[in-house]
Amino acid sequence: MSLDLLGSAADGMQAQRSALDLYARNIAAAQAAGPRGRYARSVPIFSLLRDSSGARRLRFLGARSEPKRDVNMVTEMVAVLDASRAYAADAALFSIGKRVIERTIAVEQP
């Protein structure tokens, strides 16, 4: 069970890191376009897929463009904050799983 916890937390961290990269690209592209330029916002696509053991795993599949919606700096910064908090939550979950495994090993040692 703890290994599933570690895998889920790691999947979440990887997905949030990918989302953070995407939001950073949105912000950089909007800044490069200038105040009068337009840049279509890209949003991440996530999916729950089953691996070979049948466990569900979160995957970042890429991005899709929202052509009728330009990048808004406030929206992107809120998305960055949201993704960074989700990443921190996944990191905390990973840490808990790691401690559970360490304590389980310690209990079994003489």
N, C-alpha and C. Protein backbone atom coordinates (compact mmCIF):
# COMPACT_ATOMS: atom_id res chain seq x y z
N MET A 1 0.81 -1.19 0.00
CA MET A 1 0.00 0.00 0.00
C MET A 1 0.86 1.26 0.00
N SER A 2 1.94 1.28 0.74
CA SER A 2 2.80 2.46 0.80
C SER A 2 3.46 2.73 -0.54
N LEU A 3 3.79 1.65 -1.26
CA LEU A 3 4.40 1.87 -2.57
C LEU A 3 3.41 2.49 -3.54
N ASP A 4 2.11 2.12 -3.41
CA ASP A 4 1.09 2.78 -4.23
C ASP A 4 1.01 4.26 -3.87
N LEU A 5 1.14 4.56 -2.59
CA LEU A 5 1.12 5.94 -2.12
C LEU A 5 2.28 6.72 -2.72
N LEU A 6 3.46 6.13 -2.72
CA LEU A 6 4.63 6.79 -3.30
C LEU A 6 4.44 7.02 -4.81
N GLY A 7 3.93 6.02 -5.49
CA GLY A 7 3.70 6.14 -6.92
C GLY A 7 2.68 7.21 -7.26
N SER A 8 1.60 7.26 -6.49
CA SER A 8 0.56 8.26 -6.72
C SER A 8 1.09 9.67 -6.47
N ALA A 9 1.84 9.82 -5.38
CA ALA A 9 2.41 11.13 -5.06
C ALA A 9 3.42 11.56 -6.13
N ALA A 10 4.24 10.63 -6.58
CA ALA A 10 5.23 10.94 -7.62
C ALA A 10 4.53 11.32 -8.93
N ASP A 11 3.47 10.60 -9.28
CA ASP A 11 2.70 10.95 -10.49
C ASP A 11 2.13 12.36 -10.38
N GLY A 12 1.59 12.67 -9.21
CA GLY A 12 1.02 13.99 -8.99
C GLY A 12 2.07 15.09 -9.10
N MET A 13 3.25 14.84 -8.51
CA MET A 13 4.32 15.83 -8.59
C MET A 13 4.77 16.04 -10.03
N GLN A 14 4.89 14.96 -10.77
CA GLN A 14 5.31 15.07 -12.17
C GLN A 14 4.27 15.83 -13.00
N ALA A 15 3.00 15.53 -12.77
CA ALA A 15 1.94 16.22 -13.51
C ALA A 15 1.90 17.70 -13.17
N GLN A 16 2.05 18.04 -11.91
CA GLN A 16 2.02 19.45 -11.52
C GLN A 16 3.25 20.20 -12.02
N ARG A 17 4.39 19.53 -12.06
CA ARG A 17 5.60 20.16 -12.62
C ARG A 17 5.38 20.47 -14.09
N SER A 18 4.77 19.54 -14.81
CA SER A 18 4.48 19.76 -16.24
C SER A 18 3.50 20.92 -16.41
N ALA A 19 2.50 20.99 -15.54
CA ALA A 19 1.54 22.10 -15.60
C ALA A 19 2.23 23.43 -15.31
N LEU A 20 3.12 23.44 -14.31
CA LEU A 20 3.87 24.67 -14.00
C LEU A 20 4.70 25.13 -15.19
N ASP A 21 5.34 24.18 -15.87
CA ASP A 21 6.11 24.53 -17.08
C ASP A 21 5.21 25.16 -18.13
N LEU A 22 4.03 24.61 -18.30
CA LEU A 22 3.09 25.12 -19.30
C LEU A 22 2.64 26.54 -18.94
N TYR A 23 2.32 26.77 -17.67
CA TYR A 23 1.89 28.10 -17.25
C TYR A 23 3.03 29.11 -17.42
N ALA A 24 4.25 28.68 -17.12
CA ALA A 24 5.41 29.57 -17.31
C ALA A 24 5.57 29.93 -18.79
N ARG A 25 5.35 28.96 -19.68
CA ARG A 25 5.42 29.25 -21.12
C ARG A 25 4.34 30.24 -21.54
N ASN A 26 3.13 30.07 -20.97
CA ASN A 26 2.05 31.01 -21.28
C ASN A 26 2.45 32.43 -20.89
N ILE A 27 2.99 32.57 -19.68
CA ILE A 27 3.38 33.89 -19.20
C ILE A 27 4.50 34.47 -20.05
N ALA A 28 5.50 33.67 -20.36
CA ALA A 28 6.62 34.14 -21.17
C ALA A 28 6.15 34.55 -22.56
N ALA A 29 5.29 33.77 -23.18
CA ALA A 29 4.80 34.08 -24.52
C ALA A 29 3.96 35.36 -24.51
N ALA A 30 3.14 35.52 -23.49
CA ALA A 30 2.32 36.73 -23.40
C ALA A 30 3.21 37.96 -23.20
N GLN A 31 4.25 37.82 -22.40
CA GLN A 31 5.18 38.94 -22.20
C GLN A 31 5.93 39.26 -23.50
N ALA A 32 6.32 38.23 -24.23
CA ALA A 32 7.04 38.44 -25.49
C ALA A 32 6.14 39.07 -26.54
N ALA A 33 4.84 38.77 -26.50
CA ALA A 33 3.91 39.34 -27.47
C ALA A 33 3.68 40.83 -27.23
N GLY A 34 3.94 41.28 -26.02
CA GLY A 34 3.78 42.70 -25.70
C GLY A 34 2.37 43.05 -25.29
N PRO A 35 2.15 44.31 -24.92
CA PRO A 35 0.83 44.71 -24.39
C PRO A 35 -0.29 44.64 -25.43
N ARG A 36 0.06 44.80 -26.69
CA ARG A 36 -0.98 44.75 -27.73
C ARG A 36 -1.02 43.41 -28.47
N GLY A 37 -0.06 42.56 -28.16
CA GLY A 37 -0.02 41.25 -28.80
C GLY A 37 -1.03 40.30 -28.20
N ARG A 38 -1.30 39.27 -28.93
CA ARG A 38 -2.26 38.27 -28.46
C ARG A 38 -1.58 36.92 -28.48
N TYR A 39 -1.88 36.11 -27.48
CA TYR A 39 -1.34 34.77 -27.41
C TYR A 39 -2.42 33.87 -26.82
N ALA A 40 -2.80 32.83 -27.56
CA ALA A 40 -3.83 31.91 -27.09
C ALA A 40 -3.32 31.11 -25.90
N ARG A 41 -4.13 31.01 -24.89
CA ARG A 41 -3.78 30.31 -23.66
C ARG A 41 -3.76 28.81 -23.91
N SER A 42 -2.74 28.14 -23.37
CA SER A 42 -2.66 26.69 -23.41
C SER A 42 -3.02 26.16 -22.02
N VAL A 43 -3.77 25.07 -21.99
CA VAL A 43 -4.15 24.46 -20.72
C VAL A 43 -3.70 23.00 -20.72
N PRO A 44 -3.32 22.48 -19.56
CA PRO A 44 -2.83 21.10 -19.50
C PRO A 44 -3.96 20.09 -19.65
N ILE A 45 -3.59 18.93 -20.16
CA ILE A 45 -4.53 17.81 -20.27
C ILE A 45 -3.97 16.67 -19.41
N PHE A 46 -4.78 16.22 -18.46
CA PHE A 46 -4.41 15.12 -17.58
C PHE A 46 -5.34 13.95 -17.83
N SER A 47 -4.87 12.76 -17.53
CA SER A 47 -5.70 11.58 -17.67
C SER A 47 -5.29 10.54 -16.64
N LEU A 48 -6.27 9.76 -16.20
CA LEU A 48 -5.99 8.60 -15.35
C LEU A 48 -5.90 7.38 -16.26
N LEU A 49 -4.74 6.78 -16.30
CA LEU A 49 -4.51 5.60 -17.13
C LEU A 49 -4.21 4.41 -16.25
N ARG A 50 -4.45 3.22 -16.73
CA ARG A 50 -4.12 2.01 -15.98
C ARG A 50 -2.77 1.49 -16.45
N ASP A 51 -1.92 1.13 -15.47
CA ASP A 51 -0.62 0.57 -15.82
C ASP A 51 -0.74 -0.94 -15.96
N SER A 52 0.37 -1.64 -16.15
CA SER A 52 0.35 -3.08 -16.39
C SER A 52 -0.20 -3.87 -15.21
N SER A 53 -0.10 -3.32 -14.00
CA SER A 53 -0.62 -4.03 -12.82
C SER A 53 -2.09 -3.71 -12.58
N GLY A 54 -2.67 -2.81 -13.37
CA GLY A 54 -4.07 -2.45 -13.21
C GLY A 54 -4.29 -1.23 -12.33
N ALA A 55 -3.23 -0.68 -11.76
CA ALA A 55 -3.36 0.50 -10.93
C ALA A 55 -3.57 1.73 -11.80
N ARG A 56 -4.38 2.66 -11.30
CA ARG A 56 -4.61 3.89 -12.05
C ARG A 56 -3.47 4.87 -11.75
N ARG A 57 -2.97 5.49 -12.81
CA ARG A 57 -1.86 6.44 -12.69
C ARG A 57 -2.24 7.74 -13.39
N LEU A 58 -1.90 8.85 -12.76
CA LEU A 58 -2.15 10.16 -13.35
C LEU A 58 -1.05 10.48 -14.35
N ARG A 59 -1.43 10.93 -15.53
CA ARG A 59 -0.46 11.27 -16.56
C ARG A 59 -0.80 12.62 -17.17
N PHE A 60 0.26 13.37 -17.45
CA PHE A 60 0.14 14.62 -18.19
C PHE A 60 0.24 14.24 -19.66
N LEU A 61 -0.81 14.51 -20.43
CA LEU A 61 -0.84 14.10 -21.83
C LEU A 61 -0.39 15.19 -22.80
N GLY A 62 -0.27 16.39 -22.30
CA GLY A 62 0.12 17.50 -23.16
C GLY A 62 -0.74 18.70 -22.89
N ALA A 63 -0.91 19.52 -23.90
CA ALA A 63 -1.69 20.75 -23.73
C ALA A 63 -2.60 20.95 -24.92
N ARG A 64 -3.65 21.67 -24.66
CA ARG A 64 -4.52 22.09 -25.75
C ARG A 64 -4.63 23.60 -25.71
N SER A 65 -4.79 24.18 -26.84
CA SER A 65 -4.87 25.63 -26.95
C SER A 65 -6.32 26.08 -26.83
N GLU A 66 -6.51 27.20 -26.19
CA GLU A 66 -7.83 27.82 -26.12
C GLU A 66 -7.79 29.06 -27.00
N PRO A 67 -8.06 28.90 -28.30
CA PRO A 67 -7.85 29.99 -29.25
C PRO A 67 -8.69 31.24 -28.98
N LYS A 68 -9.83 31.13 -28.36
CA LYS A 68 -10.67 32.30 -28.12
C LYS A 68 -10.38 32.96 -26.79
N ARG A 69 -9.34 32.47 -26.11
CA ARG A 69 -9.02 33.01 -24.79
C ARG A 69 -7.54 33.35 -24.73
N ASP A 70 -7.24 34.62 -24.63
CA ASP A 70 -5.85 35.07 -24.53
C ASP A 70 -5.34 34.86 -23.11
N VAL A 71 -4.03 34.88 -22.98
CA VAL A 71 -3.40 34.72 -21.67
C VAL A 71 -3.70 35.95 -20.83
N ASN A 72 -4.18 35.71 -19.64
CA ASN A 72 -4.42 36.76 -18.66
C ASN A 72 -3.44 36.51 -17.52
N MET A 73 -2.63 37.50 -17.20
CA MET A 73 -1.56 37.31 -16.20
C MET A 73 -2.11 36.90 -14.84
N VAL A 74 -3.22 37.48 -14.43
CA VAL A 74 -3.79 37.13 -13.12
C VAL A 74 -4.25 35.67 -13.13
N THR A 75 -4.91 35.25 -14.19
CA THR A 75 -5.35 33.86 -14.30
C THR A 75 -4.16 32.91 -14.28
N GLU A 76 -3.11 33.25 -15.00
CA GLU A 76 -1.92 32.38 -15.04
C GLU A 76 -1.24 32.32 -13.68
N MET A 77 -1.16 33.43 -12.98
CA MET A 77 -0.51 33.43 -11.66
C MET A 77 -1.32 32.62 -10.65
N VAL A 78 -2.65 32.70 -10.74
CA VAL A 78 -3.50 31.87 -9.87
C VAL A 78 -3.29 30.39 -10.20
N ALA A 79 -3.19 30.08 -11.50
CA ALA A 79 -2.93 28.69 -11.90
C ALA A 79 -1.57 28.22 -11.40
N VAL A 80 -0.57 29.09 -11.44
CA VAL A 80 0.77 28.75 -10.93
C VAL A 80 0.70 28.47 -9.43
N LEU A 81 0.01 29.34 -8.69
CA LEU A 81 -0.13 29.12 -7.24
C LEU A 81 -0.85 27.81 -6.95
N ASP A 82 -1.91 27.54 -7.69
CA ASP A 82 -2.67 26.31 -7.51
C ASP A 82 -1.81 25.08 -7.78
N ALA A 83 -1.07 25.10 -8.88
CA ALA A 83 -0.22 23.96 -9.23
C ALA A 83 0.92 23.80 -8.24
N SER A 84 1.46 24.91 -7.75
CA SER A 84 2.57 24.80 -6.80
C SER A 84 2.08 24.28 -5.45
N ARG A 85 0.88 24.64 -5.05
CA ARG A 85 0.31 24.09 -3.81
C ARG A 85 -0.01 22.61 -3.96
N ALA A 86 -0.51 22.22 -5.12
CA ALA A 86 -0.78 20.81 -5.36
C ALA A 86 0.52 20.01 -5.36
N TYR A 87 1.58 20.58 -5.94
CA TYR A 87 2.89 19.93 -5.94
C TYR A 87 3.38 19.75 -4.50
N ALA A 88 3.24 20.79 -3.68
CA ALA A 88 3.67 20.71 -2.28
C ALA A 88 2.86 19.67 -1.52
N ALA A 89 1.57 19.57 -1.80
CA ALA A 89 0.74 18.55 -1.14
C ALA A 89 1.19 17.15 -1.55
N ASP A 90 1.49 16.96 -2.83
CA ASP A 90 1.98 15.66 -3.29
C ASP A 90 3.34 15.33 -2.68
N ALA A 91 4.20 16.34 -2.54
CA ALA A 91 5.50 16.12 -1.91
C ALA A 91 5.34 15.72 -0.45
N ALA A 92 4.40 16.34 0.25
CA ALA A 92 4.14 15.98 1.65
C ALA A 92 3.60 14.55 1.73
N LEU A 93 2.74 14.18 0.81
CA LEU A 93 2.21 12.82 0.77
C LEU A 93 3.31 11.81 0.50
N PHE A 94 4.22 12.15 -0.39
CA PHE A 94 5.36 11.28 -0.68
C PHE A 94 6.22 11.11 0.57
N SER A 95 6.44 12.19 1.29
CA SER A 95 7.23 12.14 2.52
C SER A 95 6.57 11.24 3.57
N ILE A 96 5.27 11.32 3.69
CA ILE A 96 4.55 10.46 4.64
C ILE A 96 4.70 9.01 4.24
N GLY A 97 4.53 8.71 2.96
CA GLY A 97 4.70 7.33 2.49
C GLY A 97 6.09 6.80 2.75
N LYS A 98 7.08 7.66 2.55
CA LYS A 98 8.46 7.28 2.80
C LYS A 98 8.67 6.96 4.28
N ARG A 99 8.12 7.80 5.15
CA ARG A 99 8.26 7.54 6.60
C ARG A 99 7.57 6.25 7.01
N VAL A 100 6.41 5.96 6.42
CA VAL A 100 5.70 4.71 6.72
C VAL A 100 6.56 3.51 6.36
N ILE A 101 7.18 3.56 5.18
CA ILE A 101 8.05 2.47 4.76
C ILE A 101 9.25 2.35 5.68
N GLU A 102 9.88 3.47 6.03
CA GLU A 102 11.04 3.43 6.93
C GLU A 102 10.68 2.85 8.29
N ARG A 103 9.53 3.24 8.82
CA ARG A 103 9.11 2.71 10.13
C ARG A 103 8.74 1.24 10.05
N THR A 104 8.16 0.83 8.96
CA THR A 104 7.82 -0.59 8.78
C THR A 104 9.09 -1.42 8.75
N ILE A 105 10.10 -0.93 8.05
CA ILE A 105 11.39 -1.64 8.01
C ILE A 105 12.02 -1.67 9.39
N ALA A 106 11.94 -0.56 10.12
CA ALA A 106 12.53 -0.49 11.46
C ALA A 106 11.85 -1.45 12.43
N VAL A 107 10.55 -1.64 12.31
CA VAL A 107 9.81 -2.54 13.18
C VAL A 107 10.26 -3.99 12.95
N GLU A 108 10.56 -4.34 11.73
CA GLU A 108 10.92 -5.71 11.40
C GLU A 108 12.38 -6.04 11.72
N GLN A 109 13.18 -5.03 12.04
CA GLN A 109 14.58 -5.28 12.39
C GLN A 109 14.67 -5.66 13.86
N PRO A 110 15.60 -6.58 14.19
CA PRO A 110 15.70 -7.01 15.59
C PRO A 110 16.31 -5.95 16.49
